[in-house]
Amino acid sequence: MQGNFVSREQVQALRAGMPRQAVRDVLGTPLVTSLFHADRWDYAFTIRRQGAEPQQRRFSVFFMGDALDRIEGDSLPTEAEFAAKLDNRRPPTKLPVLKATEADLAKFPAKPSLGAGSAQPAAPANPVSYPPLEVAR
C-alpha cells in the first residue's frame, strides 16, 4: 500500500466547521498540500496486491479559513473491508496430530530433577563490573 489510508469511519467522524488540527487528528497528515491551494488537503492511497489490479482512492478536504468547509472524493472502504482485502492468507489446512510414543520420548535424555537432597544448586557467578558509560566531570 502507498499513501494515507482513509477509512469510511474516519470520514464519518468529520464535521463541518472542525478546525484544521482536528481534521489532521482524524485523518492524519495529508499526502499533498499546496501553497496555491492552501484551503485544500488531498489524501490518496493505492492498494496493490499480487494477482489483482491496483485500487486507487482519492479524498480531499476543503477549508474556509481554519474551518472544514466540505469533503469530496471516492467511495472509501471501511476499516474491516480494507483489512479483508489485505488478508491474503490461505485457509488453514488440517494440522498434523502431534503425538509421541514412550519409545520416541526415551530417545531424549531426561532432565535432572531437583529433588530434596539431590544435587546442590549451582553457585552464583562472580559479579561482573563494567566501566562507567560517561566520564565524571
N, C-alpha and C. Protein backbone atom coordinates (compact mmCIF):
# COMPACT_ATOMS: atom_id res chain seq x y z
N MET A 1 0.84 -1.16 0.00
CA MET A 1 0.00 0.00 0.00
C MET A 1 0.89 1.24 0.00
N GLN A 2 0.45 2.25 -0.70
CA GLN A 2 1.15 3.53 -0.71
C GLN A 2 0.15 4.62 -0.38
N GLY A 3 0.62 5.66 0.30
CA GLY A 3 -0.23 6.80 0.60
C GLY A 3 -0.84 6.71 1.98
N ASN A 4 -1.84 7.57 2.22
CA ASN A 4 -2.51 7.65 3.50
C ASN A 4 -3.86 6.94 3.40
N PHE A 5 -4.03 5.82 4.07
CA PHE A 5 -5.33 5.15 4.07
C PHE A 5 -6.32 5.99 4.86
N VAL A 6 -7.47 6.26 4.24
CA VAL A 6 -8.56 6.96 4.91
C VAL A 6 -9.76 6.03 4.86
N SER A 7 -10.33 5.73 6.01
CA SER A 7 -11.47 4.81 6.07
C SER A 7 -12.79 5.58 6.08
N ARG A 8 -13.84 4.87 5.79
CA ARG A 8 -15.18 5.45 5.84
C ARG A 8 -15.49 5.95 7.25
N GLU A 9 -15.02 5.21 8.27
CA GLU A 9 -15.26 5.62 9.66
C GLU A 9 -14.59 6.95 9.97
N GLN A 10 -13.40 7.17 9.42
CA GLN A 10 -12.71 8.44 9.65
C GLN A 10 -13.50 9.59 9.03
N VAL A 11 -13.98 9.39 7.81
CA VAL A 11 -14.73 10.44 7.12
C VAL A 11 -16.02 10.75 7.88
N GLN A 12 -16.66 9.71 8.42
CA GLN A 12 -17.90 9.92 9.17
C GLN A 12 -17.66 10.71 10.45
N ALA A 13 -16.43 10.74 10.94
CA ALA A 13 -16.11 11.50 12.15
C ALA A 13 -15.92 12.99 11.87
N LEU A 14 -15.80 13.37 10.60
CA LEU A 14 -15.60 14.77 10.25
C LEU A 14 -16.91 15.54 10.34
N ARG A 15 -16.81 16.78 10.77
CA ARG A 15 -17.97 17.67 10.87
C ARG A 15 -17.62 19.03 10.29
N ALA A 16 -18.54 19.61 9.56
CA ALA A 16 -18.32 20.96 9.02
C ALA A 16 -18.01 21.90 10.18
N GLY A 17 -17.04 22.77 9.96
CA GLY A 17 -16.64 23.74 10.98
C GLY A 17 -15.51 23.26 11.88
N MET A 18 -15.09 21.99 11.74
CA MET A 18 -13.97 21.50 12.56
C MET A 18 -12.71 22.28 12.22
N PRO A 19 -11.88 22.60 13.20
CA PRO A 19 -10.61 23.27 12.89
C PRO A 19 -9.66 22.32 12.18
N ARG A 20 -8.70 22.89 11.48
CA ARG A 20 -7.73 22.09 10.71
C ARG A 20 -7.03 21.04 11.57
N GLN A 21 -6.63 21.42 12.78
CA GLN A 21 -5.91 20.47 13.64
C GLN A 21 -6.79 19.28 13.99
N ALA A 22 -8.07 19.48 14.19
CA ALA A 22 -8.98 18.38 14.50
C ALA A 22 -9.11 17.45 13.29
N VAL A 23 -9.15 18.03 12.09
CA VAL A 23 -9.21 17.22 10.86
C VAL A 23 -7.92 16.41 10.73
N ARG A 24 -6.79 17.03 11.00
CA ARG A 24 -5.50 16.33 10.94
C ARG A 24 -5.45 15.21 11.97
N ASP A 25 -6.04 15.43 13.15
CA ASP A 25 -6.07 14.40 14.18
C ASP A 25 -6.88 13.19 13.72
N VAL A 26 -7.93 13.41 12.95
CA VAL A 26 -8.78 12.31 12.48
C VAL A 26 -8.17 11.62 11.26
N LEU A 27 -7.71 12.38 10.29
CA LEU A 27 -7.25 11.82 9.01
C LEU A 27 -5.74 11.60 8.92
N GLY A 28 -4.98 12.25 9.77
CA GLY A 28 -3.54 12.19 9.65
C GLY A 28 -3.04 13.31 8.75
N THR A 29 -1.75 13.36 8.57
CA THR A 29 -1.13 14.39 7.73
C THR A 29 -1.49 14.13 6.28
N PRO A 30 -1.93 15.16 5.55
CA PRO A 30 -2.30 14.95 4.15
C PRO A 30 -1.10 14.57 3.29
N LEU A 31 -1.37 13.80 2.26
CA LEU A 31 -0.32 13.39 1.34
C LEU A 31 0.16 14.59 0.52
N VAL A 32 -0.79 15.45 0.14
CA VAL A 32 -0.45 16.60 -0.71
C VAL A 32 -1.05 17.87 -0.12
N THR A 33 -0.21 18.87 0.05
CA THR A 33 -0.67 20.23 0.36
C THR A 33 0.03 21.14 -0.64
N SER A 34 -0.61 22.25 -0.94
CA SER A 34 -0.05 23.14 -1.94
C SER A 34 -0.17 24.58 -1.48
N LEU A 35 0.86 25.35 -1.76
CA LEU A 35 0.79 26.79 -1.46
C LEU A 35 -0.28 27.47 -2.30
N PHE A 36 -0.52 26.91 -3.49
CA PHE A 36 -1.51 27.51 -4.39
C PHE A 36 -2.94 27.14 -4.00
N HIS A 37 -3.09 26.07 -3.24
CA HIS A 37 -4.40 25.62 -2.77
C HIS A 37 -4.33 25.39 -1.26
N ALA A 38 -4.08 26.46 -0.51
CA ALA A 38 -3.86 26.35 0.93
C ALA A 38 -5.10 25.86 1.66
N ASP A 39 -6.27 26.01 1.05
CA ASP A 39 -7.51 25.58 1.70
C ASP A 39 -7.95 24.20 1.25
N ARG A 40 -7.03 23.42 0.71
CA ARG A 40 -7.35 22.07 0.23
C ARG A 40 -6.25 21.10 0.66
N TRP A 41 -6.66 19.98 1.26
CA TRP A 41 -5.74 18.90 1.59
C TRP A 41 -6.17 17.67 0.81
N ASP A 42 -5.22 17.01 0.20
CA ASP A 42 -5.52 15.81 -0.59
C ASP A 42 -4.92 14.57 0.08
N TYR A 43 -5.73 13.56 0.14
CA TYR A 43 -5.32 12.25 0.65
C TYR A 43 -5.51 11.26 -0.49
N ALA A 44 -4.52 10.43 -0.73
CA ALA A 44 -4.61 9.44 -1.79
C ALA A 44 -3.89 8.19 -1.34
N PHE A 45 -4.42 7.05 -1.75
CA PHE A 45 -3.71 5.81 -1.46
C PHE A 45 -4.02 4.78 -2.52
N THR A 46 -3.08 3.87 -2.71
CA THR A 46 -3.19 2.80 -3.69
C THR A 46 -2.93 1.49 -2.97
N ILE A 47 -3.82 0.53 -3.20
CA ILE A 47 -3.64 -0.80 -2.64
C ILE A 47 -3.19 -1.70 -3.78
N ARG A 48 -2.03 -2.31 -3.60
CA ARG A 48 -1.51 -3.23 -4.62
C ARG A 48 -1.41 -4.62 -4.01
N ARG A 49 -2.05 -5.58 -4.67
CA ARG A 49 -1.97 -6.97 -4.22
C ARG A 49 -1.56 -7.81 -5.40
N GLN A 50 -0.78 -8.83 -5.11
CA GLN A 50 -0.33 -9.72 -6.16
C GLN A 50 -1.54 -10.40 -6.80
N GLY A 51 -1.58 -10.38 -8.13
CA GLY A 51 -2.66 -11.03 -8.86
C GLY A 51 -3.93 -10.21 -8.96
N ALA A 52 -3.92 -8.95 -8.54
CA ALA A 52 -5.12 -8.10 -8.61
C ALA A 52 -4.71 -6.72 -9.13
N GLU A 53 -5.66 -6.07 -9.76
CA GLU A 53 -5.43 -4.70 -10.24
C GLU A 53 -5.26 -3.75 -9.06
N PRO A 54 -4.35 -2.78 -9.16
CA PRO A 54 -4.21 -1.79 -8.08
C PRO A 54 -5.51 -1.01 -7.90
N GLN A 55 -5.84 -0.72 -6.68
CA GLN A 55 -7.03 0.06 -6.37
C GLN A 55 -6.59 1.42 -5.83
N GLN A 56 -7.03 2.47 -6.51
CA GLN A 56 -6.66 3.82 -6.09
C GLN A 56 -7.88 4.51 -5.49
N ARG A 57 -7.64 5.26 -4.42
CA ARG A 57 -8.70 6.05 -3.80
C ARG A 57 -8.14 7.46 -3.57
N ARG A 58 -8.98 8.45 -3.80
CA ARG A 58 -8.61 9.85 -3.57
C ARG A 58 -9.68 10.50 -2.72
N PHE A 59 -9.22 11.41 -1.86
CA PHE A 59 -10.14 12.08 -0.95
C PHE A 59 -9.58 13.46 -0.67
N SER A 60 -10.41 14.49 -0.69
CA SER A 60 -9.95 15.86 -0.45
C SER A 60 -10.84 16.52 0.58
N VAL A 61 -10.23 17.35 1.40
CA VAL A 61 -10.98 18.18 2.35
C VAL A 61 -10.70 19.63 2.02
N PHE A 62 -11.73 20.44 2.12
CA PHE A 62 -11.63 21.86 1.78
C PHE A 62 -11.96 22.69 3.01
N PHE A 63 -11.17 23.73 3.22
CA PHE A 63 -11.34 24.60 4.37
C PHE A 63 -11.75 25.99 3.92
N MET A 64 -12.46 26.66 4.79
CA MET A 64 -12.74 28.08 4.63
C MET A 64 -12.11 28.73 5.86
N GLY A 65 -10.97 29.36 5.65
CA GLY A 65 -10.20 29.86 6.79
C GLY A 65 -9.61 28.67 7.53
N ASP A 66 -9.90 28.56 8.82
CA ASP A 66 -9.39 27.45 9.62
C ASP A 66 -10.44 26.36 9.83
N ALA A 67 -11.62 26.51 9.25
CA ALA A 67 -12.72 25.57 9.50
C ALA A 67 -12.98 24.68 8.29
N LEU A 68 -13.30 23.40 8.55
CA LEU A 68 -13.64 22.46 7.49
C LEU A 68 -14.91 22.92 6.79
N ASP A 69 -14.85 23.04 5.48
CA ASP A 69 -15.99 23.51 4.69
C ASP A 69 -16.73 22.33 4.05
N ARG A 70 -15.98 21.47 3.31
CA ARG A 70 -16.62 20.34 2.63
C ARG A 70 -15.59 19.26 2.34
N ILE A 71 -16.10 18.09 1.96
CA ILE A 71 -15.25 16.96 1.61
C ILE A 71 -15.69 16.42 0.25
N GLU A 72 -14.74 15.90 -0.51
CA GLU A 72 -15.02 15.31 -1.81
C GLU A 72 -14.10 14.11 -1.99
N GLY A 73 -14.58 13.14 -2.75
CA GLY A 73 -13.68 12.04 -3.06
C GLY A 73 -14.39 10.76 -3.41
N ASP A 74 -13.57 9.73 -3.58
CA ASP A 74 -14.06 8.41 -3.93
C ASP A 74 -14.79 7.78 -2.75
N SER A 75 -15.58 6.78 -3.06
CA SER A 75 -16.18 5.96 -2.03
C SER A 75 -15.06 5.22 -1.31
N LEU A 76 -15.05 5.30 0.00
CA LEU A 76 -13.95 4.72 0.77
C LEU A 76 -14.38 3.45 1.47
N PRO A 77 -13.46 2.49 1.61
CA PRO A 77 -13.79 1.25 2.31
C PRO A 77 -13.82 1.46 3.82
N THR A 78 -14.56 0.59 4.51
CA THR A 78 -14.49 0.60 5.96
C THR A 78 -13.16 -0.03 6.36
N GLU A 79 -12.81 0.11 7.62
CA GLU A 79 -11.56 -0.49 8.09
C GLU A 79 -11.60 -2.01 7.94
N ALA A 80 -12.77 -2.61 8.19
CA ALA A 80 -12.91 -4.07 8.07
C ALA A 80 -12.76 -4.50 6.62
N GLU A 81 -13.34 -3.75 5.69
CA GLU A 81 -13.21 -4.09 4.26
C GLU A 81 -11.75 -3.97 3.81
N PHE A 82 -11.08 -2.93 4.28
CA PHE A 82 -9.68 -2.73 3.93
C PHE A 82 -8.83 -3.88 4.46
N ALA A 83 -9.05 -4.26 5.71
CA ALA A 83 -8.27 -5.35 6.31
C ALA A 83 -8.54 -6.66 5.58
N ALA A 84 -9.78 -6.89 5.17
CA ALA A 84 -10.11 -8.14 4.46
C ALA A 84 -9.39 -8.20 3.12
N LYS A 85 -9.21 -7.07 2.46
CA LYS A 85 -8.51 -7.06 1.17
C LYS A 85 -7.01 -7.31 1.35
N LEU A 86 -6.47 -6.96 2.51
CA LEU A 86 -5.05 -7.17 2.76
C LEU A 86 -4.75 -8.61 3.18
N ASP A 87 -5.74 -9.29 3.69
CA ASP A 87 -5.55 -10.66 4.20
C ASP A 87 -5.46 -11.62 3.04
N ASN A 88 -4.25 -12.03 2.70
CA ASN A 88 -4.06 -12.95 1.58
C ASN A 88 -3.63 -14.33 2.07
N ARG A 89 -3.91 -14.61 3.33
CA ARG A 89 -3.54 -15.92 3.86
C ARG A 89 -4.44 -16.98 3.26
N ARG A 90 -3.88 -18.14 3.11
CA ARG A 90 -4.67 -19.27 2.62
C ARG A 90 -5.47 -19.82 3.78
N PRO A 91 -6.61 -20.45 3.47
CA PRO A 91 -7.36 -21.04 4.58
C PRO A 91 -6.50 -22.11 5.25
N PRO A 92 -6.65 -22.26 6.56
CA PRO A 92 -5.78 -23.21 7.26
C PRO A 92 -6.02 -24.64 6.77
N THR A 93 -4.93 -25.34 6.62
CA THR A 93 -5.02 -26.74 6.24
C THR A 93 -5.11 -27.57 7.51
N LYS A 94 -5.42 -28.84 7.35
CA LYS A 94 -5.53 -29.70 8.51
C LYS A 94 -4.16 -29.85 9.16
N LEU A 95 -4.09 -29.59 10.45
CA LEU A 95 -2.83 -29.69 11.17
C LEU A 95 -2.56 -31.15 11.50
N PRO A 96 -1.29 -31.56 11.47
CA PRO A 96 -0.98 -32.95 11.81
C PRO A 96 -1.20 -33.19 13.30
N VAL A 97 -1.55 -34.41 13.64
CA VAL A 97 -1.72 -34.77 15.04
C VAL A 97 -0.33 -34.90 15.65
N LEU A 98 -0.13 -34.22 16.77
CA LEU A 98 1.17 -34.26 17.44
C LEU A 98 1.09 -35.30 18.56
N LYS A 99 1.86 -36.35 18.40
CA LYS A 99 1.88 -37.37 19.44
C LYS A 99 3.24 -38.05 19.41
N ALA A 100 3.66 -38.50 20.56
CA ALA A 100 4.93 -39.20 20.68
C ALA A 100 4.71 -40.44 21.55
N THR A 101 5.30 -41.53 21.14
CA THR A 101 5.20 -42.75 21.93
C THR A 101 6.25 -42.72 23.02
N GLU A 102 6.15 -43.63 23.95
CA GLU A 102 7.16 -43.72 25.01
C GLU A 102 8.54 -44.00 24.41
N ALA A 103 8.59 -44.80 23.35
CA ALA A 103 9.87 -45.10 22.70
C ALA A 103 10.46 -43.84 22.08
N ASP A 104 9.60 -42.97 21.49
CA ASP A 104 10.09 -41.71 20.92
C ASP A 104 10.66 -40.82 22.02
N LEU A 105 9.97 -40.75 23.15
CA LEU A 105 10.42 -39.89 24.25
C LEU A 105 11.68 -40.42 24.90
N ALA A 106 11.89 -41.74 24.88
CA ALA A 106 13.06 -42.33 25.51
C ALA A 106 14.35 -41.96 24.77
N LYS A 107 14.23 -41.50 23.55
CA LYS A 107 15.41 -41.11 22.78
C LYS A 107 16.06 -39.83 23.31
N PHE A 108 15.32 -39.06 24.11
CA PHE A 108 15.82 -37.80 24.65
C PHE A 108 16.25 -37.99 26.09
N PRO A 109 17.37 -37.38 26.50
CA PRO A 109 17.81 -37.55 27.89
C PRO A 109 16.81 -36.89 28.84
N ALA A 110 16.63 -37.52 29.98
CA ALA A 110 15.71 -36.97 30.98
C ALA A 110 16.36 -35.78 31.66
N LYS A 111 15.56 -34.80 32.01
CA LYS A 111 16.07 -33.64 32.73
C LYS A 111 16.28 -34.04 34.18
N PRO A 112 17.38 -33.62 34.79
CA PRO A 112 17.59 -33.96 36.20
C PRO A 112 16.58 -33.22 37.06
N SER A 113 15.98 -33.94 37.99
CA SER A 113 15.00 -33.29 38.87
C SER A 113 15.73 -32.76 40.08
N LEU A 114 15.26 -31.68 40.63
CA LEU A 114 15.87 -31.08 41.81
C LEU A 114 15.11 -31.56 43.04
N GLY A 115 15.22 -32.81 43.32
CA GLY A 115 14.55 -33.37 44.49
C GLY A 115 15.31 -33.00 45.75
N ALA A 116 14.72 -33.29 46.90
CA ALA A 116 15.35 -32.96 48.18
C ALA A 116 16.64 -33.76 48.34
N GLY A 117 17.73 -33.09 48.64
CA GLY A 117 19.00 -33.74 48.91
C GLY A 117 19.73 -34.23 47.68
N SER A 118 19.21 -33.97 46.48
CA SER A 118 19.94 -34.43 45.30
C SER A 118 21.09 -33.49 45.04
N ALA A 119 21.15 -32.85 43.95
CA ALA A 119 22.29 -32.00 43.59
C ALA A 119 22.17 -30.65 44.26
N GLN A 120 23.34 -30.07 44.56
CA GLN A 120 23.39 -28.73 45.12
C GLN A 120 23.13 -27.72 44.00
N PRO A 121 22.39 -26.66 44.27
CA PRO A 121 22.23 -25.65 43.22
C PRO A 121 23.58 -25.02 42.88
N ALA A 122 23.72 -24.62 41.64
CA ALA A 122 24.98 -24.03 41.18
C ALA A 122 25.27 -22.76 41.95
N ALA A 123 26.54 -22.55 42.24
CA ALA A 123 26.95 -21.35 42.95
C ALA A 123 26.73 -20.14 42.05
N PRO A 124 26.34 -19.02 42.63
CA PRO A 124 26.13 -17.83 41.79
C PRO A 124 27.45 -17.41 41.15
N ALA A 125 27.35 -16.91 39.93
CA ALA A 125 28.53 -16.46 39.19
C ALA A 125 29.10 -15.22 39.86
N ASN A 126 30.40 -15.01 39.67
CA ASN A 126 31.02 -13.81 40.22
C ASN A 126 30.40 -12.58 39.59
N PRO A 127 30.21 -11.53 40.38
CA PRO A 127 29.62 -10.32 39.79
C PRO A 127 30.54 -9.74 38.73
N VAL A 128 29.94 -9.17 37.74
CA VAL A 128 30.68 -8.57 36.64
C VAL A 128 30.63 -7.06 36.83
N SER A 129 31.75 -6.40 36.68
CA SER A 129 31.73 -4.94 36.76
C SER A 129 32.03 -4.38 35.38
N TYR A 130 31.37 -3.30 35.08
CA TYR A 130 31.52 -2.66 33.78
C TYR A 130 32.04 -1.25 33.99
N PRO A 131 32.79 -0.71 33.05
CA PRO A 131 33.26 0.68 33.19
C PRO A 131 32.07 1.64 33.07
N PRO A 132 32.16 2.81 33.64
CA PRO A 132 31.06 3.78 33.55
C PRO A 132 30.82 4.18 32.09
N LEU A 133 29.56 4.47 31.78
CA LEU A 133 29.19 4.88 30.43
C LEU A 133 29.67 6.29 30.11
N GLU A 134 29.67 7.14 31.12
CA GLU A 134 30.09 8.51 30.92
C GLU A 134 31.22 8.83 31.89
N VAL A 135 32.10 9.67 31.46
CA VAL A 135 33.23 10.09 32.31
C VAL A 135 32.72 11.19 33.23
N ALA A 136 33.02 11.04 34.54
CA ALA A 136 32.61 12.07 35.51
C ALA A 136 33.39 13.35 35.24
N ARG A 137 32.73 14.47 35.34
CA ARG A 137 33.39 15.76 35.08
C ARG A 137 33.51 16.56 36.31
